[in-house]
Protein backbone atom coordinates (compact mmCIF):
# COMPACT_ATOMS: atom_id res chain seq x y z
CA UNK A 1 75.96 140.06 -231.73
CA UNK A 2 72.38 139.90 -229.70
CA UNK A 3 73.75 137.63 -227.47
CA UNK A 4 77.55 139.52 -227.09
CA UNK A 5 75.30 142.82 -225.95
CA UNK A 6 73.34 140.64 -223.72
CA UNK A 7 76.23 139.30 -221.54
CA UNK A 8 77.48 143.05 -221.48
CA UNK A 9 74.45 144.45 -220.17
CA UNK A 10 74.30 141.14 -217.45
CA UNK A 11 77.67 141.62 -216.62
CA UNK A 12 77.07 145.37 -215.19
CA UNK A 13 73.74 143.93 -213.50
CA UNK A 14 74.78 143.38 -209.83
CA UNK A 15 72.46 142.71 -207.35
CA UNK A 16 72.97 142.06 -203.65
CA UNK A 17 70.96 139.61 -202.37
CA UNK A 18 71.45 136.24 -200.56
CA UNK A 19 69.19 133.13 -200.96
CA UNK A 20 66.52 132.98 -198.30
CA UNK A 21 66.55 130.13 -195.86
CA UNK A 22 64.03 128.05 -195.97
CA UNK A 23 63.12 124.43 -195.37
CA UNK A 24 62.77 122.08 -198.14
CA UNK A 25 63.53 118.60 -199.41
CA UNK A 26 65.54 116.32 -200.86
CA UNK A 27 64.55 113.68 -203.21
CA UNK A 28 65.18 111.21 -200.23
CA UNK A 29 62.53 113.42 -197.63
CA UNK A 30 65.34 114.56 -195.95
CA UNK A 31 64.83 118.45 -194.84
CA UNK A 32 67.51 120.66 -195.64
CA UNK A 33 67.53 124.45 -195.31
CA UNK A 34 68.24 126.40 -198.50
CA UNK A 35 70.65 128.88 -196.57
CA UNK A 36 72.98 126.35 -197.07
CA UNK A 37 72.87 127.07 -201.02
CA UNK A 38 74.93 129.83 -199.80
CA UNK A 39 78.43 129.70 -201.35
CA UNK A 40 81.78 131.91 -200.21
CA UNK A 41 83.86 130.81 -202.95
CA UNK A 42 82.47 130.38 -206.54
CA UNK A 43 79.05 130.27 -208.26
CA UNK A 44 75.64 128.77 -207.37
CA UNK A 45 73.05 128.43 -209.71
CA UNK A 46 69.15 127.53 -208.39
CA UNK A 47 67.03 126.49 -211.18
CA UNK A 48 63.45 126.20 -210.44
CA UNK A 49 61.33 123.71 -212.79
CA UNK A 50 58.79 121.21 -212.92
CA UNK A 51 57.99 118.11 -214.48
CA UNK A 52 55.13 119.11 -216.75
CA UNK A 53 56.86 122.05 -217.80
CA UNK A 54 58.44 121.30 -221.27
CA UNK A 55 61.09 124.39 -221.69
CA UNK A 56 61.98 123.72 -218.10
CA UNK A 57 62.72 120.01 -218.90
CA UNK A 58 64.48 121.10 -222.56
CA UNK A 59 66.49 123.65 -220.40
CA UNK A 60 67.79 120.80 -217.86
CA UNK A 61 68.39 118.76 -220.58
CA UNK A 62 70.62 120.97 -222.04
CA UNK A 63 72.61 122.05 -219.01
CA UNK A 64 73.05 118.51 -218.03
CA UNK A 65 74.70 118.01 -221.61
CA UNK A 66 77.48 120.90 -221.04
CA UNK A 67 77.96 120.21 -217.19
CA UNK A 68 81.27 119.01 -217.17
CA UNK A 69 82.22 122.44 -218.72
CA UNK A 70 79.66 123.95 -215.85
CA UNK A 71 81.72 121.96 -213.16
CA UNK A 72 84.59 123.30 -214.02
CA UNK A 73 84.00 126.54 -213.48
CA UNK A 74 82.98 125.09 -209.70
CA UNK A 75 79.36 125.86 -210.03
CA UNK A 76 77.16 124.44 -207.59
CA UNK A 77 73.99 123.46 -209.79
CA UNK A 78 71.07 123.03 -208.05
CA UNK A 79 67.55 122.15 -210.17
CA UNK A 80 64.41 123.24 -207.50
CA UNK A 81 61.42 121.32 -208.70
CA UNK A 82 57.95 123.06 -207.74
CA UNK A 83 55.97 120.12 -208.77
CA UNK A 84 52.88 119.80 -205.98
CA UNK A 85 52.36 117.19 -203.57
CA UNK A 86 50.36 115.03 -206.14
CA UNK A 87 53.00 115.11 -208.80
CA UNK A 88 56.14 115.32 -206.50
CA UNK A 89 55.98 111.37 -206.89
CA UNK A 90 57.19 111.52 -210.61
CA UNK A 91 59.91 113.64 -209.95
CA UNK A 92 62.35 110.97 -208.38
CA UNK A 93 61.89 108.45 -211.02
CA UNK A 94 62.33 111.44 -213.76
CA UNK A 95 65.56 112.02 -212.23
CA UNK A 96 66.74 108.42 -212.32
CA UNK A 97 65.58 108.30 -216.27
CA UNK A 98 67.58 111.15 -217.44
CA UNK A 99 70.53 110.70 -214.94
CA UNK A 100 70.98 114.16 -214.38
CA UNK A 101 74.42 115.42 -212.66
CA UNK A 102 73.38 118.01 -210.50
CA UNK A 103 71.40 118.42 -207.17
CA UNK A 104 67.53 118.01 -207.10
CA UNK A 105 65.49 119.16 -204.30
CA UNK A 106 61.60 119.28 -203.77
CA UNK A 107 59.56 122.45 -203.02
CA UNK A 108 56.05 121.40 -203.05
CA UNK A 109 54.53 123.67 -200.90
CA UNK A 110 56.21 126.68 -202.95
CA UNK A 111 57.62 128.35 -200.19
CA UNK A 112 61.14 128.88 -201.45
CA UNK A 113 60.10 129.63 -204.73
CA UNK A 114 57.76 132.36 -203.16
CA UNK A 115 60.60 133.69 -200.55
CA UNK A 116 62.69 134.31 -204.29
CA UNK A 117 59.81 135.62 -206.27
CA UNK A 118 59.83 133.40 -208.33
CA UNK A 119 56.22 133.66 -210.72
CA UNK A 120 57.49 131.74 -213.94
CA UNK A 121 59.37 128.58 -214.46
CA UNK A 122 61.74 127.89 -215.76
CA UNK A 123 63.64 130.74 -213.53
CA UNK A 124 67.22 130.55 -213.28
CA UNK A 125 69.40 132.52 -210.36
CA UNK A 126 73.10 133.17 -210.40
CA UNK A 127 74.67 134.07 -207.31
CA UNK A 128 78.70 134.18 -206.73
CA UNK A 129 79.93 134.48 -203.13
CA UNK A 130 77.05 134.30 -201.71
CA UNK A 131 75.80 137.55 -203.85
CA UNK A 132 72.88 137.52 -206.81
CA UNK A 133 74.93 138.32 -209.80
CA UNK A 134 72.17 137.34 -212.73
CA UNK A 135 68.83 135.38 -213.10
CA UNK A 136 66.94 134.76 -216.19
CA UNK A 137 63.28 133.85 -216.52
CA UNK A 138 62.42 131.46 -219.44
CA UNK A 139 63.81 129.39 -221.89
CA UNK A 140 65.30 129.49 -225.37
CA UNK A 141 67.56 127.05 -227.30
CA UNK A 142 71.16 128.50 -226.71
CA UNK A 143 70.29 129.84 -223.10
CA UNK A 144 72.52 127.14 -221.64
CA UNK A 145 75.43 128.68 -223.59
CA UNK A 146 74.37 132.24 -222.88
CA UNK A 147 74.59 130.80 -218.87
CA UNK A 148 77.90 129.27 -219.33
CA UNK A 149 79.50 132.23 -221.31
CA UNK A 150 78.51 134.72 -218.11
CA UNK A 151 79.68 132.32 -215.49
CA UNK A 152 83.02 132.25 -217.83
CA UNK A 153 83.29 135.87 -218.01
CA UNK A 154 82.14 137.58 -214.85
């Protein structure tokens, strides 16, 4: 019952917010502007996480388990590591060992995180046709199912 009420409340929450324009790096060091994350045709999920954040790791592992279902909804899933320069070298080996299927980028200076108003991780944003339609802070087991249900029913 709690999940149903939660989903109903979330479906009524629509804010007009676009992804800000910030330069970040992919795992190979190539600079990418976050404005390219905007999509006018479907969902874009942006998740902020860090290698040292246990709830973040659990969330991304659980999302990876249902990733095929997420992909079927025409979702672009982007995970943004906020690890600083000292920990940035840990990101690529971690991703390789986890075999995560989604896009991973590094925000080592925290500029993108700040421009999105993120102060606590994990923090997930869902955009539809370029507009912010949902955001969630923190992680509890089953939150990935709420995310999937929300996008399936939006």
